Amino acid sequence: MNDTQETTSTTPKFVISRTFKAPLDRVWKAWTEPEQMAQWWGPKGFSADVKTLDLRPGGMFHYRMLSPQGQEMWGRMVFREIVPEERLVFINSFSDPECGLTRHPMAPEWPLQMHTTISFTEADGKTTVTVEWLPYEATESECETFDEGRDSMQAGWTGTFEKLESHLDNA
């Protein structure tokens, strides 16, 4: 049996949602405009620089994050599907400054790539954002690391959502 597969059906998705007191068009722009992404993207305490944001299937979001201690980390998203104000689907990974794939700088067994779906729904002037994460082309060991990291993913996305909420409140 091949221990690498496109999407890992035996590994449950990580799913997290947050409802923001902002209309859908404003939340969508926060996710798709480089100048806005630079203001909130990344874990709490981190700053971000957008190097490229080419919003089209096959396009890429390439960014640099800086930790509070000054550690530089690069990431990239390669877009697969874009349905305006509804869904973004991409393959997410850590990268180097030249956009090459790299391992997680603090967790070398973390999946090299993640299949990510960001869904947007609006009701009563509020927008719910749902993130779904699943290892992509991952080994069994990487899937185990993913499963063991659910608390960390919950904390990381919660902090990222807090930054987005603050950005939307101040926009």
Protein backbone atom coordinates (compact mmCIF):
# COMPACT_ATOMS: atom_id res chain seq x y z
CA MET A 1 0.00 0.00 0.00
CA ASN A 2 1.24 3.48 -0.84
CA ASP A 3 1.59 5.58 2.32
CA THR A 4 1.16 8.82 0.35
CA GLN A 5 -2.24 9.88 -0.92
CA GLU A 6 -3.77 13.05 -2.38
CA THR A 7 -6.23 13.61 0.44
CA THR A 8 -6.13 11.46 3.51
CA SER A 9 -9.66 10.10 3.91
CA THR A 10 -8.80 8.16 7.08
CA THR A 11 -7.67 11.36 8.81
CA PRO A 12 -10.58 13.47 10.03
CA LYS A 13 -10.54 17.07 8.86
CA PHE A 14 -9.67 19.82 11.27
CA VAL A 15 -12.56 22.29 11.17
CA ILE A 16 -12.92 25.64 12.91
CA SER A 17 -15.45 28.45 12.36
CA ARG A 18 -15.90 32.00 13.56
CA THR A 19 -18.68 34.50 12.96
CA PHE A 20 -17.63 38.09 12.41
CA LYS A 21 -19.77 41.20 12.83
CA ALA A 22 -19.00 42.31 9.29
CA PRO A 23 -20.69 41.93 5.91
CA LEU A 24 -19.49 39.24 3.52
CA ASP A 25 -17.90 41.65 1.02
CA ARG A 26 -15.70 43.18 3.74
CA VAL A 27 -14.59 39.79 5.07
CA TRP A 28 -13.90 38.52 1.54
CA LYS A 29 -11.72 41.55 0.80
CA ALA A 30 -9.79 40.99 4.04
CA TRP A 31 -8.88 37.52 2.72
CA THR A 32 -8.14 38.53 -0.86
CA GLU A 33 -6.52 41.99 -0.88
CA PRO A 34 -2.76 42.04 -0.21
CA GLU A 35 -2.79 45.26 1.83
CA GLN A 36 -5.45 43.79 4.13
CA MET A 37 -3.85 40.33 4.45
CA ALA A 38 -0.64 42.02 5.59
CA GLN A 39 -2.52 43.62 8.49
CA TRP A 40 -3.92 40.46 10.08
CA TRP A 41 -2.63 37.20 8.55
CA GLY A 42 -0.80 34.73 10.78
CA PRO A 43 -0.76 33.58 14.38
CA LYS A 44 -1.35 36.04 17.19
CA GLY A 45 1.79 38.06 17.87
CA PHE A 46 3.21 37.53 14.38
CA SER A 47 3.45 40.18 11.68
CA ALA A 48 3.12 39.39 7.98
CA ASP A 49 4.51 40.75 4.72
CA VAL A 50 2.76 39.86 1.48
CA LYS A 51 5.23 39.14 -1.30
CA THR A 52 2.72 37.90 -3.90
CA LEU A 53 -1.05 37.54 -3.96
CA ASP A 54 -2.19 36.27 -7.37
CA LEU A 55 -5.86 35.42 -6.79
CA ARG A 56 -6.67 32.91 -9.54
CA PRO A 57 -6.59 29.12 -9.86
CA GLY A 58 -2.90 28.26 -10.15
CA GLY A 59 -1.97 31.63 -8.62
CA MET A 60 -0.10 31.96 -5.38
CA PHE A 61 -0.12 33.84 -2.10
CA HIS A 62 3.51 34.00 -0.90
CA TYR A 63 4.15 35.63 2.45
CA ARG A 64 6.67 36.11 5.22
CA MET A 65 5.76 35.99 8.90
CA LEU A 66 7.89 37.36 11.69
CA SER A 67 7.52 35.95 15.21
CA PRO A 68 7.62 38.21 18.29
CA GLN A 69 11.18 36.87 18.86
CA GLY A 70 12.24 37.87 15.34
CA GLN A 71 12.15 34.40 13.74
CA GLU A 72 11.32 34.60 10.04
CA MET A 73 8.97 32.01 8.52
CA TRP A 74 7.73 31.87 4.94
CA GLY A 75 4.54 30.33 3.62
CA ARG A 76 2.66 29.87 0.41
CA MET A 77 -0.81 29.01 -0.80
CA VAL A 78 -1.36 27.71 -4.32
CA PHE A 79 -4.97 28.41 -5.25
CA ARG A 80 -7.03 25.58 -6.75
CA GLU A 81 -10.52 27.08 -6.66
CA ILE A 82 -11.87 30.57 -6.09
CA VAL A 83 -15.59 31.20 -5.84
CA PRO A 84 -15.93 34.92 -5.00
CA GLU A 85 -17.52 35.58 -1.62
CA GLU A 86 -18.10 31.85 -1.15
CA ARG A 87 -14.94 29.73 -1.08
CA LEU A 88 -11.15 29.64 -1.39
CA VAL A 89 -9.46 26.27 -1.90
CA PHE A 90 -5.68 26.00 -1.87
CA ILE A 91 -2.67 23.88 -1.00
CA ASN A 92 -0.86 25.51 1.91
CA SER A 93 2.75 24.91 2.94
CA PHE A 94 5.76 26.49 4.51
CA SER A 95 8.24 27.82 1.99
CA ASP A 96 11.51 29.63 1.57
CA PRO A 97 11.95 33.21 0.28
CA GLU A 98 12.07 31.85 -3.30
CA CYS A 99 8.72 29.98 -2.91
CA GLY A 100 10.23 26.49 -2.63
CA LEU A 101 8.53 23.98 -0.34
CA THR A 102 10.02 23.60 3.11
CA ARG A 103 9.19 21.76 6.31
CA HIS A 104 7.56 23.42 9.31
CA PRO A 105 10.47 25.16 11.06
CA MET A 106 9.46 23.93 14.52
CA ALA A 107 7.74 20.63 13.66
CA PRO A 108 9.64 18.67 10.99
CA GLU A 109 7.07 15.83 10.99
CA TRP A 110 4.21 18.23 10.19
CA PRO A 111 2.63 17.49 6.77
CA LEU A 112 4.59 19.16 4.00
CA GLN A 113 1.34 20.33 2.39
CA MET A 114 -2.19 20.97 3.62
CA HIS A 115 -5.39 20.98 1.57
CA THR A 116 -7.30 24.02 2.83
CA THR A 117 -10.86 25.14 2.20
CA ILE A 118 -12.03 28.51 3.51
CA SER A 119 -15.83 28.93 3.26
CA PHE A 120 -17.76 32.18 3.72
CA THR A 121 -21.47 32.47 4.55
CA GLU A 122 -23.46 35.56 5.48
CA ALA A 123 -26.58 35.92 7.61
CA ASP A 124 -28.05 39.07 9.14
CA GLY A 125 -25.05 41.19 8.16
CA LYS A 126 -22.59 38.82 9.87
CA THR A 127 -20.16 36.52 8.10
CA THR A 128 -19.12 33.05 9.20
CA VAL A 129 -15.71 31.84 8.06
CA THR A 130 -15.06 28.10 8.22
CA VAL A 131 -11.58 26.63 7.79
CA GLU A 132 -11.15 22.97 6.83
CA TRP A 133 -7.67 21.47 6.92
CA LEU A 134 -6.50 18.06 5.77
CA PRO A 135 -3.00 16.74 5.09
CA TYR A 136 -2.27 16.58 1.35
CA GLU A 137 -0.06 13.89 -0.17
CA ALA A 138 0.95 13.04 3.37
CA THR A 139 2.70 10.04 4.87
CA GLU A 140 1.15 8.05 7.69
CA SER A 141 3.62 9.67 10.10
CA GLU A 142 2.65 13.16 8.93
CA CYS A 143 -1.04 12.30 9.39
CA GLU A 144 -0.33 11.15 12.95
CA THR A 145 1.48 14.43 13.66
CA PHE A 146 -1.53 16.30 12.22
CA ASP A 147 -3.91 14.36 14.48
CA GLU A 148 -1.72 15.02 17.53
CA GLY A 149 -1.60 18.74 16.69
CA ARG A 150 -5.33 19.51 16.86
CA ASP A 151 -5.08 21.53 20.09
CA SER A 152 -2.27 23.59 18.59
CA MET A 153 -4.25 24.13 15.37
CA GLN A 154 -7.26 25.23 17.44
CA ALA A 155 -5.12 27.74 19.36
CA GLY A 156 -3.38 29.00 16.22
CA TRP A 157 -6.55 29.56 14.24
CA THR A 158 -8.30 31.11 17.25
CA GLY A 159 -5.50 33.67 17.49
CA THR A 160 -5.59 34.31 13.74
CA PHE A 161 -9.36 34.83 13.90
CA GLU A 162 -8.87 37.28 16.78
CA LYS A 163 -6.49 39.28 14.61
CA LEU A 164 -8.97 39.21 11.73
CA GLU A 165 -11.78 40.33 14.05
CA SER A 166 -9.69 43.25 15.30
CA HIS A 167 -8.82 44.18 11.72
CA LEU A 168 -12.47 44.08 10.64
CA ASP A 169 -13.53 46.14 13.70
CA ASN A 170 -10.98 48.82 12.80
CA ALA A 171 -11.39 48.78 9.01
